[in-house]
Amino acid sequence: MSKASSRRAILGALAVAPAAGLPAISVASDDPALVAIGEYMRLRAAADTAWKLAADAGDNFHSACDAIGVVTYKGEVIRSLGHLDILRNPNRPLTETELENAIDRLRKATAKLTEEAARPDPEYLVARTALEAHQPDFEKALINSGVEAAENAASEAEEHADAAQRMVFESEPTTPKGAAALIRLAADRIDFVGFSDGLLDDIFTEAIRKAVAILARENRT
């Protein structure tokens, strides 16, 4: 199965997820906030399921690679040449273009890092030789695990959930129940990401004010 078809299959399964056991959200259709929250909860559950599938695929990939051969460098298990090179020299020498825009301190640091990278590293050479031998099998294991398709599907599901969450805080609650549900979701979000994460800052506090206004109006009646 190709990456694209695998990804479509995962997303297709998520599309019918509520019928397969995800919680069904019952909402009052006359309150936009409750409708938006119901849709967000459905998509949030789908995204969580997608990330679980991606994690399982990643575990399968790691197990397949370990069965092929375990390669370590600086105490870390590695499964690609790119990862090996990053571990050996995480602060790579800057390019000429970068050097032109850097200050003198960065130029000196780059020269030092270049010198360190040129020093013999027997452990690196042993790990690189082993990886070059295992790399074709590692690449096959990556394809067979489906981890890339699963992670892509999870990322797309996460985008849908984020968009639905924005719709929640852009909605206008019309009932105390809807207002309370919106405030409860806002509190959960604060617990998870804090008061600000740069994604909903433009509408988050205003949404809470609108919900409070509904509750205050109800209290006066």
C-alpha atoms as a PDB file:
ATOM      1  CA  MET A   1       0.000   0.000   0.000  1.00  0.00           C
ATOM      2  CA  SER A   2       1.400   3.435  -0.935  1.00  0.00           C
ATOM      3  CA  LYS A   3       1.927   6.217   1.622  1.00  0.00           C
ATOM      4  CA  ALA A   4      -0.972   8.182   0.111  1.00  0.00           C
ATOM      5  CA  SER A   5      -3.381   5.246   0.164  1.00  0.00           C
ATOM      6  CA  SER A   6      -2.313   4.315   3.716  1.00  0.00           C
ATOM      7  CA  ARG A   7      -2.955   7.877   4.828  1.00  0.00           C
ATOM      8  CA  ARG A   8      -6.374   7.894   3.137  1.00  0.00           C
ATOM      9  CA  ALA A   9      -7.259   4.610   4.843  1.00  0.00           C
ATOM     10  CA  ILE A  10      -6.373   5.992   8.273  1.00  0.00           C
ATOM     11  CA  LEU A  11      -8.325   9.196   7.696  1.00  0.00           C
ATOM     12  CA  GLY A  12     -11.255   7.173   6.387  1.00  0.00           C
ATOM     13  CA  ALA A  13     -11.306   5.142   9.584  1.00  0.00           C
ATOM     14  CA  LEU A  14     -11.245   8.318  11.635  1.00  0.00           C
ATOM     15  CA  ALA A  15     -14.155   9.764   9.689  1.00  0.00           C
ATOM     16  CA  VAL A  16     -16.431   7.011  11.013  1.00  0.00           C
ATOM     17  CA  ALA A  17     -14.755   6.835  14.410  1.00  0.00           C
ATOM     18  CA  PRO A  18     -17.837   7.891  16.432  1.00  0.00           C
ATOM     19  CA  ALA A  19     -19.660   4.790  15.176  1.00  0.00           C
ATOM     20  CA  ALA A  20     -16.653   2.665  16.154  1.00  0.00           C
ATOM     21  CA  GLY A  21     -16.591   3.615  19.795  1.00  0.00           C
ATOM     22  CA  LEU A  22     -15.646   7.268  20.134  1.00  0.00           C
ATOM     23  CA  PRO A  23     -17.951   9.208  22.450  1.00  0.00           C
ATOM     24  CA  ALA A  24     -21.061  10.577  20.791  1.00  0.00           C
ATOM     25  CA  ILE A  25     -21.680  14.195  21.744  1.00  0.00           C
ATOM     26  CA  SER A  26     -25.305  15.160  22.217  1.00  0.00           C
ATOM     27  CA  VAL A  27     -25.880  18.877  21.725  1.00  0.00           C
ATOM     28  CA  ALA A  28     -28.790  21.265  21.606  1.00  0.00           C
ATOM     29  CA  SER A  29     -28.996  22.464  18.026  1.00  0.00           C
ATOM     30  CA  ASP A  30     -30.352  25.869  19.055  1.00  0.00           C
ATOM     31  CA  ASP A  31     -27.109  26.896  20.851  1.00  0.00           C
ATOM     32  CA  PRO A  32     -24.166  27.533  18.482  1.00  0.00           C
ATOM     33  CA  ALA A  33     -21.644  27.088  21.302  1.00  0.00           C
ATOM     34  CA  LEU A  34     -22.902  23.612  22.146  1.00  0.00           C
ATOM     35  CA  VAL A  35     -22.930  22.611  18.485  1.00  0.00           C
ATOM     36  CA  ALA A  36     -19.344  23.866  18.051  1.00  0.00           C
ATOM     37  CA  ILE A  37     -18.206  22.120  21.236  1.00  0.00           C
ATOM     38  CA  GLY A  38     -19.776  18.856  20.103  1.00  0.00           C
ATOM     39  CA  GLU A  39     -17.940  19.036  16.784  1.00  0.00           C
ATOM     40  CA  TYR A  40     -14.683  19.935  18.525  1.00  0.00           C
ATOM     41  CA  MET A  41     -14.986  17.009  20.941  1.00  0.00           C
ATOM     42  CA  ARG A  42     -15.581  14.621  18.020  1.00  0.00           C
ATOM     43  CA  LEU A  43     -12.544  15.886  16.111  1.00  0.00           C
ATOM     44  CA  ARG A  44     -10.405  16.037  19.256  1.00  0.00           C
ATOM     45  CA  ALA A  45     -11.166  12.359  19.896  1.00  0.00           C
ATOM     46  CA  ALA A  46     -10.311  11.554  16.274  1.00  0.00           C
ATOM     47  CA  ALA A  47      -6.982  13.376  16.564  1.00  0.00           C
ATOM     48  CA  ASP A  48      -6.138  11.545  19.792  1.00  0.00           C
ATOM     49  CA  THR A  49      -6.899   8.238  18.084  1.00  0.00           C
ATOM     50  CA  ALA A  50      -4.730   9.209  15.113  1.00  0.00           C
ATOM     51  CA  TRP A  51      -1.772  10.046  17.356  1.00  0.00           C
ATOM     52  CA  LYS A  52      -2.193   6.678  19.093  1.00  0.00           C
ATOM     53  CA  LEU A  53      -2.057   4.948  15.695  1.00  0.00           C
ATOM     54  CA  ALA A  54       1.061   6.932  14.816  1.00  0.00           C
ATOM     55  CA  ALA A  55       2.709   5.979  18.115  1.00  0.00           C
ATOM     56  CA  ASP A  56       1.883   2.297  17.536  1.00  0.00           C
ATOM     57  CA  ALA A  57       3.332   2.481  14.014  1.00  0.00           C
ATOM     58  CA  GLY A  58       6.459   4.117  15.426  1.00  0.00           C
ATOM     59  CA  ASP A  59       6.819   1.323  17.985  1.00  0.00           C
ATOM     60  CA  ASN A  60       6.496  -1.245  15.198  1.00  0.00           C
ATOM     61  CA  PHE A  61       9.187   0.551  13.185  1.00  0.00           C
ATOM     62  CA  HIS A  62      11.559   0.656  16.160  1.00  0.00           C
ATOM     63  CA  SER A  63      10.984  -3.035  16.902  1.00  0.00           C
ATOM     64  CA  ALA A  64      11.652  -3.951  13.270  1.00  0.00           C
ATOM     65  CA  CYS A  65      14.878  -1.914  13.264  1.00  0.00           C
ATOM     66  CA  ASP A  66      16.017  -3.466  16.553  1.00  0.00           C
ATOM     67  CA  ALA A  67      15.478  -6.909  15.050  1.00  0.00           C
ATOM     68  CA  ILE A  68      17.709  -5.901  12.125  1.00  0.00           C
ATOM     69  CA  GLY A  69      20.463  -4.507  14.309  1.00  0.00           C
ATOM     70  CA  VAL A  70      20.862  -2.047  17.182  1.00  0.00           C
ATOM     71  CA  VAL A  71      23.231   0.838  16.445  1.00  0.00           C
ATOM     72  CA  THR A  72      24.200   3.249  19.204  1.00  0.00           C
ATOM     73  CA  TYR A  73      26.231   6.429  19.283  1.00  0.00           C
ATOM     74  CA  LYS A  74      26.919   8.508  22.383  1.00  0.00           C
ATOM     75  CA  GLY A  75      24.518   6.300  24.308  1.00  0.00           C
ATOM     76  CA  GLU A  76      21.576   6.887  21.934  1.00  0.00           C
ATOM     77  CA  VAL A  77      19.965   4.363  19.578  1.00  0.00           C
ATOM     78  CA  ILE A  78      20.049   5.661  16.009  1.00  0.00           C
ATOM     79  CA  ARG A  79      18.326   4.425  12.887  1.00  0.00           C
ATOM     80  CA  SER A  80      19.437   6.798  10.132  1.00  0.00           C
ATOM     81  CA  LEU A  81      22.635   8.380   8.836  1.00  0.00           C
ATOM     82  CA  GLY A  82      21.105  11.833   9.160  1.00  0.00           C
ATOM     83  CA  HIS A  83      20.446  11.288  12.865  1.00  0.00           C
ATOM     84  CA  LEU A  84      23.999  10.013  13.322  1.00  0.00           C
ATOM     85  CA  ASP A  85      25.517  13.115  11.720  1.00  0.00           C
ATOM     86  CA  ILE A  86      23.330  15.443  13.817  1.00  0.00           C
ATOM     87  CA  LEU A  87      24.454  13.693  17.003  1.00  0.00           C
ATOM     88  CA  ARG A  88      28.083  13.933  16.018  1.00  0.00           C
ATOM     89  CA  ASN A  89      27.927  17.633  15.202  1.00  0.00           C
ATOM     90  CA  PRO A  90      24.624  19.207  16.374  1.00  0.00           C
ATOM     91  CA  ASN A  91      25.996  22.735  15.990  1.00  0.00           C
ATOM     92  CA  ARG A  92      27.097  22.529  12.381  1.00  0.00           C
ATOM     93  CA  PRO A  93      29.492  25.106  10.925  1.00  0.00           C
ATOM     94  CA  LEU A  94      27.625  28.076   9.483  1.00  0.00           C
ATOM     95  CA  THR A  95      27.440  28.662   5.736  1.00  0.00           C
ATOM     96  CA  GLU A  96      29.150  31.633   4.130  1.00  0.00           C
ATOM     97  CA  THR A  97      25.805  33.434   3.811  1.00  0.00           C
ATOM     98  CA  GLU A  98      25.104  32.893   7.500  1.00  0.00           C
ATOM     99  CA  LEU A  99      28.597  34.015   8.420  1.00  0.00           C
ATOM    100  CA  GLU A 100      28.113  37.278   6.526  1.00  0.00           C
ATOM    101  CA  ASN A 101      25.114  38.070   8.730  1.00  0.00           C
ATOM    102  CA  ALA A 102      26.662  36.826  11.969  1.00  0.00           C
ATOM    103  CA  ILE A 103      28.655  38.751  14.534  1.00  0.00           C
ATOM    104  CA  ASP A 104      32.345  38.108  15.228  1.00  0.00           C
ATOM    105  CA  ARG A 105      31.554  35.934  18.230  1.00  0.00           C
ATOM    106  CA  LEU A 106      29.624  33.504  16.027  1.00  0.00           C
ATOM    107  CA  ARG A 107      32.481  33.436  13.513  1.00  0.00           C
ATOM    108  CA  LYS A 108      34.909  32.373  16.264  1.00  0.00           C
ATOM    109  CA  ALA A 109      32.457  29.777  17.582  1.00  0.00           C
ATOM    110  CA  THR A 110      32.027  28.363  14.076  1.00  0.00           C
ATOM    111  CA  ALA A 111      35.762  27.994  13.645  1.00  0.00           C
ATOM    112  CA  LYS A 112      35.966  26.138  16.954  1.00  0.00           C
ATOM    113  CA  LEU A 113      33.094  23.805  16.033  1.00  0.00           C
ATOM    114  CA  THR A 114      34.687  23.089  12.658  1.00  0.00           C
ATOM    115  CA  GLU A 115      37.890  22.129  14.378  1.00  0.00           C
ATOM    116  CA  GLU A 116      36.083  19.819  16.781  1.00  0.00           C
ATOM    117  CA  ALA A 117      34.118  18.173  13.958  1.00  0.00           C
ATOM    118  CA  ALA A 118      37.360  17.367  12.122  1.00  0.00           C
ATOM    119  CA  ARG A 119      38.821  15.453  15.049  1.00  0.00           C
ATOM    120  CA  PRO A 120      38.914  11.654  14.697  1.00  0.00           C
ATOM    121  CA  ASP A 121      35.904   9.944  16.307  1.00  0.00           C
ATOM    122  CA  PRO A 122      36.293   6.137  16.322  1.00  0.00           C
ATOM    123  CA  GLU A 123      32.841   5.592  17.842  1.00  0.00           C
ATOM    124  CA  TYR A 124      31.264   7.597  15.002  1.00  0.00           C
ATOM    125  CA  LEU A 125      33.092   5.545  12.377  1.00  0.00           C
ATOM    126  CA  VAL A 126      31.933   2.260  13.953  1.00  0.00           C
ATOM    127  CA  ALA A 127      28.335   3.487  14.134  1.00  0.00           C
ATOM    128  CA  ARG A 128      28.412   4.819  10.563  1.00  0.00           C
ATOM    129  CA  THR A 129      29.742   1.537   9.197  1.00  0.00           C
ATOM    130  CA  ALA A 130      26.981  -0.396  10.973  1.00  0.00           C
ATOM    131  CA  LEU A 131      24.302   2.032   9.790  1.00  0.00           C
ATOM    132  CA  GLU A 132      25.445   1.873   6.180  1.00  0.00           C
ATOM    133  CA  ALA A 133      25.065  -1.905   6.361  1.00  0.00           C
ATOM    134  CA  HIS A 134      21.610  -1.756   7.967  1.00  0.00           C
ATOM    135  CA  GLN A 135      20.215   1.317   6.196  1.00  0.00           C
ATOM    136  CA  PRO A 136      18.413  -0.496   3.331  1.00  0.00           C
ATOM    137  CA  ASP A 137      16.649  -2.779   5.826  1.00  0.00           C
ATOM    138  CA  PHE A 138      15.840   0.171   8.107  1.00  0.00           C
ATOM    139  CA  GLU A 139      14.259   1.994   5.163  1.00  0.00           C
ATOM    140  CA  LYS A 140      12.151  -1.060   4.301  1.00  0.00           C
ATOM    141  CA  ALA A 141      11.087  -1.326   7.949  1.00  0.00           C
ATOM    142  CA  LEU A 142      10.041   2.333   7.895  1.00  0.00           C
ATOM    143  CA  ILE A 143       7.843   1.764   4.842  1.00  0.00           C
ATOM    144  CA  ASN A 144       6.326  -1.456   6.207  1.00  0.00           C
ATOM    145  CA  SER A 145       5.542   0.124   9.590  1.00  0.00           C
ATOM    146  CA  GLY A 146       3.299   2.775   8.031  1.00  0.00           C
ATOM    147  CA  VAL A 147       4.605   5.291  10.575  1.00  0.00           C
ATOM    148  CA  GLU A 148       4.934   8.149   8.076  1.00  0.00           C
ATOM    149  CA  ALA A 149       1.362   7.752   6.824  1.00  0.00           C
ATOM    150  CA  ALA A 150       0.116   7.470  10.401  1.00  0.00           C
ATOM    151  CA  GLU A 151       1.948  10.607  11.516  1.00  0.00           C
ATOM    152  CA  ASN A 152       0.676  12.534   8.488  1.00  0.00           C
ATOM    153  CA  ALA A 153      -2.877  11.426   9.238  1.00  0.00           C
ATOM    154  CA  ALA A 154      -2.469  12.394  12.896  1.00  0.00           C
ATOM    155  CA  SER A 155      -1.171  15.832  11.933  1.00  0.00           C
ATOM    156  CA  GLU A 156      -4.137  16.384   9.620  1.00  0.00           C
ATOM    157  CA  ALA A 157      -6.578  15.214  12.293  1.00  0.00           C
ATOM    158  CA  GLU A 158      -4.904  17.606  14.749  1.00  0.00           C
ATOM    159  CA  GLU A 159      -5.410  20.487  12.303  1.00  0.00           C
ATOM    160  CA  HIS A 160      -9.123  19.646  12.066  1.00  0.00           C
ATOM    161  CA  ALA A 161      -9.404  19.564  15.865  1.00  0.00           C
ATOM    162  CA  ASP A 162      -7.607  22.911  16.173  1.00  0.00           C
ATOM    163  CA  ALA A 163      -9.938  24.476  13.610  1.00  0.00           C
ATOM    164  CA  ALA A 164     -12.965  23.107  15.462  1.00  0.00           C
ATOM    165  CA  GLN A 165     -11.650  24.511  18.740  1.00  0.00           C
ATOM    166  CA  ARG A 166     -11.362  27.947  17.134  1.00  0.00           C
ATOM    167  CA  MET A 167     -14.965  27.618  15.974  1.00  0.00           C
ATOM    168  CA  VAL A 168     -15.963  26.939  19.579  1.00  0.00           C
ATOM    169  CA  PHE A 169     -14.440  30.176  20.833  1.00  0.00           C
ATOM    170  CA  GLU A 170     -15.782  32.129  17.872  1.00  0.00           C
ATOM    171  CA  SER A 171     -19.307  30.850  18.555  1.00  0.00           C
ATOM    172  CA  GLU A 172     -21.966  32.867  20.384  1.00  0.00           C
ATOM    173  CA  PRO A 173     -23.568  30.912  23.242  1.00  0.00           C
ATOM    174  CA  THR A 174     -27.276  31.627  23.596  1.00  0.00           C
ATOM    175  CA  THR A 175     -28.114  29.522  26.651  1.00  0.00           C
ATOM    176  CA  PRO A 176     -26.631  29.140  30.149  1.00  0.00           C
ATOM    177  CA  LYS A 177     -25.819  25.527  29.320  1.00  0.00           C
ATOM    178  CA  GLY A 178     -23.858  26.565  26.260  1.00  0.00           C
ATOM    179  CA  ALA A 179     -22.085  29.346  28.157  1.00  0.00           C
ATOM    180  CA  ALA A 180     -21.119  26.978  30.973  1.00  0.00           C
ATOM    181  CA  ALA A 181     -19.830  24.396  28.510  1.00  0.00           C
ATOM    182  CA  LEU A 182     -17.717  27.034  26.757  1.00  0.00           C
ATOM    183  CA  ILE A 183     -16.209  28.222  30.054  1.00  0.00           C
ATOM    184  CA  ARG A 184     -15.516  24.624  31.082  1.00  0.00           C
ATOM    185  CA  LEU A 185     -13.684  24.006  27.805  1.00  0.00           C
ATOM    186  CA  ALA A 186     -11.754  27.249  28.295  1.00  0.00           C
ATOM    187  CA  ALA A 187     -10.665  26.090  31.763  1.00  0.00           C
ATOM    188  CA  ASP A 188      -9.522  22.740  30.341  1.00  0.00           C
ATOM    189  CA  ARG A 189      -7.506  24.560  27.702  1.00  0.00           C
ATOM    190  CA  ILE A 190      -5.840  26.782  30.304  1.00  0.00           C
ATOM    191  CA  ASP A 191      -4.908  23.683  32.301  1.00  0.00           C
ATOM    192  CA  PHE A 192      -3.356  22.163  29.188  1.00  0.00           C
ATOM    193  CA  VAL A 193      -1.535  25.066  27.490  1.00  0.00           C
ATOM    194  CA  GLY A 194      -1.757  27.952  29.936  1.00  0.00           C
ATOM    195  CA  PHE A 195      -3.391  31.292  29.294  1.00  0.00           C
ATOM    196  CA  SER A 196      -1.546  31.912  26.028  1.00  0.00           C
ATOM    197  CA  ASP A 197      -0.073  29.723  23.309  1.00  0.00           C
ATOM    198  CA  GLY A 198      -0.374  32.123  20.375  1.00  0.00           C
ATOM    199  CA  LEU A 199      -3.129  30.157  18.621  1.00  0.00           C
ATOM    200  CA  LEU A 200      -6.364  31.562  20.044  1.00  0.00           C
ATOM    201  CA  ASP A 201      -5.126  34.646  21.878  1.00  0.00           C
ATOM    202  CA  ASP A 202      -7.134  36.950  19.604  1.00  0.00           C
ATOM    203  CA  ILE A 203     -10.508  35.420  20.518  1.00  0.00           C
ATOM    204  CA  PHE A 204     -10.024  33.435  23.728  1.00  0.00           C
ATOM    205  CA  THR A 205     -10.682  36.080  26.391  1.00  0.00           C
ATOM    206  CA  GLU A 206     -13.534  37.638  24.405  1.00  0.00           C
ATOM    207  CA  ALA A 207     -15.231  34.233  24.184  1.00  0.00           C
ATOM    208  CA  ILE A 208     -15.092  33.908  27.971  1.00  0.00           C
ATOM    209  CA  ARG A 209     -16.562  37.396  28.390  1.00  0.00           C
ATOM    210  CA  LYS A 210     -19.459  36.501  26.088  1.00  0.00           C
ATOM    211  CA  ALA A 211     -20.166  33.340  28.047  1.00  0.00           C
ATOM    212  CA  VAL A 212     -20.044  35.209  31.362  1.00  0.00           C
ATOM    213  CA  ALA A 213     -22.456  37.784  29.951  1.00  0.00           C
ATOM    214  CA  ILE A 214     -24.963  35.040  29.149  1.00  0.00           C
ATOM    215  CA  LEU A 215     -24.717  33.668  32.685  1.00  0.00           C
ATOM    216  CA  ALA A 216     -25.019  37.139  34.208  1.00  0.00           C
ATOM    217  CA  ARG A 217     -28.095  37.866  32.092  1.00  0.00           C
ATOM    218  CA  GLU A 218     -29.675  34.624  33.203  1.00  0.00           C
ATOM    219  CA  ASN A 219     -28.943  35.459  36.828  1.00  0.00           C
ATOM    220  CA  ARG A 220     -30.792  38.765  36.501  1.00  0.00           C
ATOM    221  CA  THR A 221     -33.935  37.159  35.113  1.00  0.00           C
END
